[in-house]
PDB file of N, CA and C in Angstrom:
ATOM      1  N   MET A   1      -5.228   5.602 -10.978  1.00  0.00           N
ATOM      2  CA  MET A   1      -4.749   5.375 -10.004  1.00  0.00           C
ATOM      3  C   MET A   1      -6.512   4.605  -9.674  1.00  0.00           C
ATOM      4  N   PRO A   2      -6.865   3.652  -9.968  1.00  0.00           N
ATOM      5  CA  PRO A   2      -7.816   3.539  -9.008  1.00  0.00           C
ATOM      6  C   PRO A   2      -7.480   2.241  -9.628  1.00  0.00           C
ATOM      7  N   ILE A   3      -6.893   1.770 -11.056  1.00  0.00           N
ATOM      8  CA  ILE A   3      -6.645   0.808 -11.755  1.00  0.00           C
ATOM      9  C   ILE A   3      -5.067  -0.125 -10.908  1.00  0.00           C
ATOM     10  N   TRP A   4      -4.833   1.101 -10.135  1.00  0.00           N
ATOM     11  CA  TRP A   4      -3.351   0.457  -9.624  1.00  0.00           C
ATOM     12  C   TRP A   4      -3.406  -0.485  -7.999  1.00  0.00           C
ATOM     13  N   ILE A   5      -4.752   0.643  -8.162  1.00  0.00           N
ATOM     14  CA  ILE A   5      -5.214  -0.142  -6.135  1.00  0.00           C
ATOM     15  C   ILE A   5      -5.657  -0.894  -6.666  1.00  0.00           C
ATOM     16  N   LEU A   6      -5.728  -0.844  -7.488  1.00  0.00           N
ATOM     17  CA  LEU A   6      -7.151  -2.751  -7.996  1.00  0.00           C
ATOM     18  C   LEU A   6      -6.687  -3.985  -7.722  1.00  0.00           C
ATOM     19  N   SER A   7      -5.307  -2.655  -9.204  1.00  0.00           N
ATOM     20  CA  SER A   7      -4.359  -3.857  -9.031  1.00  0.00           C
ATOM     21  C   SER A   7      -3.099  -4.596  -7.347  1.00  0.00           C
ATOM     22  N   SER A   8      -2.730  -3.439  -7.178  1.00  0.00           N
ATOM     23  CA  SER A   8      -3.131  -4.096  -5.907  1.00  0.00           C
ATOM     24  C   SER A   8      -3.674  -5.088  -4.643  1.00  0.00           C
ATOM     25  N   VAL A   9      -5.188  -5.048  -4.323  1.00  0.00           N
ATOM     26  CA  VAL A   9      -6.328  -5.501  -3.866  1.00  0.00           C
ATOM     27  C   VAL A   9      -5.606  -6.478  -4.009  1.00  0.00           C
ATOM     28  N   LEU A  10      -5.613  -7.168  -5.155  1.00  0.00           N
ATOM     29  CA  LEU A  10      -6.113  -8.622  -5.975  1.00  0.00           C
ATOM     30  C   LEU A  10      -4.269  -9.237  -6.143  1.00  0.00           C
ATOM     31  N   PHE A  11      -3.199  -8.838  -6.134  1.00  0.00           N
ATOM     32  CA  PHE A  11      -2.024  -9.171  -5.176  1.00  0.00           C
ATOM     33  C   PHE A  11      -2.018  -9.953  -3.958  1.00  0.00           C
ATOM     34  N   LEU A  12      -2.445  -8.452  -3.189  1.00  0.00           N
ATOM     35  CA  LEU A  12      -2.966  -8.570  -1.665  1.00  0.00           C
ATOM     36  C   LEU A  12      -3.418 -10.315  -1.134  1.00  0.00           C
ATOM     37  N   ILE A  13      -4.362  -9.565  -1.941  1.00  0.00           N
ATOM     38  CA  ILE A  13      -5.812 -11.356  -1.999  1.00  0.00           C
ATOM     39  C   ILE A  13      -5.588 -12.792  -1.448  1.00  0.00           C
ATOM     40  N   TRP A  14      -4.203 -12.339  -3.147  1.00  0.00           N
ATOM     41  CA  TRP A  14      -3.262 -13.604  -3.823  1.00  0.00           C
ATOM     42  C   TRP A  14      -2.066 -14.280  -2.573  1.00  0.00           C
ATOM     43  N   LEU A  15      -1.439 -13.125  -2.430  1.00  0.00           N
ATOM     44  CA  LEU A  15      -0.211 -13.717  -1.131  1.00  0.00           C
ATOM     45  C   LEU A  15      -1.017 -14.063   0.158  1.00  0.00           C
ATOM     46  N   VAL A  16      -1.650 -13.574   0.787  1.00  0.00           N
ATOM     47  CA  VAL A  16      -2.672 -14.469   1.311  1.00  0.00           C
ATOM     48  C   VAL A  16      -3.413 -15.270   0.951  1.00  0.00           C
ATOM     49  N   CYS A  17      -3.830 -15.650   0.443  1.00  0.00           N
ATOM     50  CA  CYS A  17      -4.226 -16.754   0.724  1.00  0.00           C
ATOM     51  C   CYS A  17      -3.784 -18.434  -0.233  1.00  0.00           C
ATOM     52  N   LYS A  18      -2.083 -17.189  -1.075  1.00  0.00           N
ATOM     53  CA  LYS A  18      -1.574 -18.618  -1.166  1.00  0.00           C
ATOM     54  C   LYS A  18      -0.140 -19.361   0.526  1.00  0.00           C
ATOM     55  N   PHE A  19       0.151 -18.159   0.896  1.00  0.00           N
ATOM     56  CA  PHE A  19       0.988 -17.878   2.175  1.00  0.00           C
ATOM     57  C   PHE A  19       0.162 -18.416   2.570  1.00  0.00           C
ATOM     58  N   LEU A  20      -0.852 -17.826   4.095  1.00  0.00           N
ATOM     59  CA  LEU A  20      -1.308 -17.530   4.477  1.00  0.00           C
ATOM     60  C   LEU A  20      -1.936 -18.980   5.379  1.00  0.00           C
ATOM     61  N   LEU A  21      -3.150 -18.549   3.284  1.00  0.00           N
ATOM     62  CA  LEU A  21      -3.955 -19.861   3.728  1.00  0.00           C
ATOM     63  C   LEU A  21      -3.453 -21.400   3.084  1.00  0.00           C
ATOM     64  N   GLY A  22      -2.742 -21.284   2.405  1.00  0.00           N
ATOM     65  CA  GLY A  22      -2.390 -22.423   1.929  1.00  0.00           C
ATOM     66  C   GLY A  22      -2.866 -22.863   0.717  1.00  0.00           C
ATOM     67  N   LYS A  23      -3.454 -21.856   0.477  1.00  0.00           N
ATOM     68  CA  LYS A  23      -5.359 -22.042  -0.460  1.00  0.00           C
ATOM     69  C   LYS A  23      -3.790 -21.643  -2.376  1.00  0.00           C
ATOM     70  N   GLY A  24      -4.134 -22.712  -3.558  1.00  0.00           N
ATOM     71  CA  GLY A  24      -4.109 -23.461  -4.488  1.00  0.00           C
ATOM     72  C   GLY A  24      -4.529 -23.587  -5.971  1.00  0.00           C
ATOM     73  N   GLY A  25      -4.037 -24.306  -6.695  1.00  0.00           N
ATOM     74  CA  GLY A  25      -5.471 -24.560  -7.742  1.00  0.00           C
ATOM     75  C   GLY A  25      -5.624 -23.054  -8.909  1.00  0.00           C
ATOM     76  N   PHE A  26      -6.610 -22.831  -8.475  1.00  0.00           N
ATOM     77  CA  PHE A  26      -7.877 -21.584  -9.291  1.00  0.00           C
ATOM     78  C   PHE A  26      -7.266 -19.441  -9.210  1.00  0.00           C
ATOM     79  N   ILE A  27      -6.541 -20.450  -8.207  1.00  0.00           N
ATOM     80  CA  ILE A  27      -6.107 -18.402  -6.967  1.00  0.00           C
ATOM     81  C   ILE A  27      -5.254 -18.486  -7.897  1.00  0.00           C
ATOM     82  N   HIS A  28      -4.227 -18.143  -8.340  1.00  0.00           N
ATOM     83  CA  HIS A  28      -3.417 -17.914  -8.855  1.00  0.00           C
ATOM     84  C   HIS A  28      -3.988 -17.345 -10.008  1.00  0.00           C
ATOM     85  N   ILE A  29      -5.086 -17.400 -10.552  1.00  0.00           N
ATOM     86  CA  ILE A  29      -5.995 -16.494 -11.634  1.00  0.00           C
ATOM     87  C   ILE A  29      -5.471 -15.218 -11.218  1.00  0.00           C
ATOM     88  N   LEU A  30      -5.751 -15.007  -9.750  1.00  0.00           N
ATOM     89  CA  LEU A  30      -5.622 -13.538  -9.588  1.00  0.00           C
ATOM     90  C   LEU A  30      -4.720 -13.157  -9.413  1.00  0.00           C
ATOM     91  N   LEU A  31      -3.507 -13.551  -9.862  1.00  0.00           N
ATOM     92  CA  LEU A  31      -1.662 -13.349  -9.374  1.00  0.00           C
ATOM     93  C   LEU A  31      -2.225 -12.373 -10.860  1.00  0.00           C
ATOM     94  N   LEU A  32      -2.447 -13.348 -11.692  1.00  0.00           N
ATOM     95  CA  LEU A  32      -2.111 -13.229 -13.599  1.00  0.00           C
ATOM     96  C   LEU A  32      -3.332 -11.776 -13.982  1.00  0.00           C
ATOM     97  N   CYS A  33      -4.677 -11.441 -13.191  1.00  0.00           N
ATOM     98  CA  CYS A  33      -5.215 -10.543 -13.572  1.00  0.00           C
ATOM     99  C   CYS A  33      -4.516  -9.485 -12.892  1.00  0.00           C
ATOM    100  N   ALA A  34      -4.101  -9.370 -11.398  1.00  0.00           N
ATOM    101  CA  ALA A  34      -3.043  -8.485 -11.336  1.00  0.00           C
ATOM    102  C   ALA A  34      -2.032  -8.119 -11.548  1.00  0.00           C
ATOM    103  N   LEU A  35      -1.620  -9.126 -12.173  1.00  0.00           N
ATOM    104  CA  LEU A  35      -0.461  -8.850 -13.079  1.00  0.00           C
ATOM    105  C   LEU A  35      -0.909  -8.268 -14.336  1.00  0.00           C
ATOM    106  N   SER A  36      -1.320  -8.609 -14.969  1.00  0.00           N
ATOM    107  CA  SER A  36      -1.992  -8.167 -16.573  1.00  0.00           C
ATOM    108  C   SER A  36      -2.831  -6.823 -16.430  1.00  0.00           C
ATOM    109  N   LEU A  37      -3.371  -6.732 -15.479  1.00  0.00           N
ATOM    110  CA  LEU A  37      -3.428  -4.337 -14.690  1.00  0.00           C
ATOM    111  C   LEU A  37      -3.271  -4.004 -14.658  1.00  0.00           C
ATOM    112  N   ALA A  38      -1.212  -4.189 -14.310  1.00  0.00           N
ATOM    113  CA  ALA A  38      -0.463  -3.751 -13.298  1.00  0.00           C
ATOM    114  C   ALA A  38      -0.034  -3.296 -14.983  1.00  0.00           C
ATOM    115  N   LEU A  39      -0.484  -4.251 -16.262  1.00  0.00           N
ATOM    116  CA  LEU A  39       1.069  -3.600 -16.594  1.00  0.00           C
ATOM    117  C   LEU A  39       0.299  -3.240 -17.870  1.00  0.00           C
ATOM    118  N   VAL A  40      -1.080  -3.206 -18.200  1.00  0.00           N
ATOM    119  CA  VAL A  40      -1.779  -2.232 -18.967  1.00  0.00           C
ATOM    120  C   VAL A  40      -1.829  -0.779 -19.037  1.00  0.00           C
ATOM    121  N   GLN A  41      -1.694  -0.777 -17.171  1.00  0.00           N
ATOM    122  CA  GLN A  41      -1.745   0.699 -16.431  1.00  0.00           C
ATOM    123  C   GLN A  41      -0.469   1.506 -16.982  1.00  0.00           C
ATOM    124  N   TRP A  42       0.884   0.633 -16.648  1.00  0.00           N
ATOM    125  CA  TRP A  42       2.013   1.377 -16.457  1.00  0.00           C
ATOM    126  C   TRP A  42       2.280   2.159 -18.263  1.00  0.00           C
ATOM    127  N   VAL A  43       1.325   0.608 -19.735  1.00  0.00           N
ATOM    128  CA  VAL A  43       2.279   0.520 -20.735  1.00  0.00           C
ATOM    129  C   VAL A  43       1.218   2.537 -20.670  1.00  0.00           C
ATOM    130  N   ALA A  44      -0.154   2.387 -20.725  1.00  0.00           N
ATOM    131  CA  ALA A  44      -0.978   3.490 -20.990  1.00  0.00           C
ATOM    132  C   ALA A  44      -0.449   5.407 -19.488  1.00  0.00           C
ATOM    133  N   GLU A  45      -0.230   4.463 -18.659  1.00  0.00           N
ATOM    134  CA  GLU A  45       0.802   5.647 -17.934  1.00  0.00           C
ATOM    135  C   GLU A  45       1.453   6.692 -18.651  1.00  0.00           C
ATOM    136  N   ARG A  46       2.551   4.848 -19.607  1.00  0.00           N
ATOM    137  CA  ARG A  46       3.559   4.798 -19.911  1.00  0.00           C
ATOM    138  C   ARG A  46       3.557   5.550 -21.459  1.00  0.00           C
ATOM    139  N   ARG A  47       2.713   5.686 -22.441  1.00  0.00           N
ATOM    140  CA  ARG A  47       2.557   6.594 -23.847  1.00  0.00           C
ATOM    141  C   ARG A  47       1.477   8.279 -23.486  1.00  0.00           C
ATOM    142  N   THR A  48       0.904   8.078 -22.331  1.00  0.00           N
ATOM    143  CA  THR A  48       0.763   9.844 -22.561  1.00  0.00           C
ATOM    144  C   THR A  48       1.768  10.233 -21.522  1.00  0.00           C
ATOM    145  N   LYS A  49       2.910   9.891 -21.348  1.00  0.00           N
ATOM    146  CA  LYS A  49       4.090  10.515 -20.701  1.00  0.00           C
ATOM    147  C   LYS A  49       4.478  11.272 -22.220  1.00  0.00           C
ATOM    148  N   GLN A  50       4.838  10.259 -22.376  1.00  0.00           N
ATOM    149  CA  GLN A  50       5.363  10.461 -24.516  1.00  0.00           C
ATOM    150  C   GLN A  50       4.518  11.067 -25.824  1.00  0.00           C
ATOM    151  N   GLY A  51       3.636  11.197 -24.814  1.00  0.00           N
ATOM    152  CA  GLY A  51       3.253  11.971 -26.460  1.00  0.00           C
ATOM    153  C   GLY A  51       2.634  13.530 -25.798  1.00  0.00           C
TER     154      GLY A  51
END
């Protein structure tokens, strides 16, 4: 559960920085981190449900 929260927070920070503050460049690393954390957590939860 904390991983989903961390991923959501990173995504929200990216949204705020990108669209409200107009930042660019390396801010997209936050988006990549959020997506990778969410993907890893989703795969881990899916594997535990199958097992």
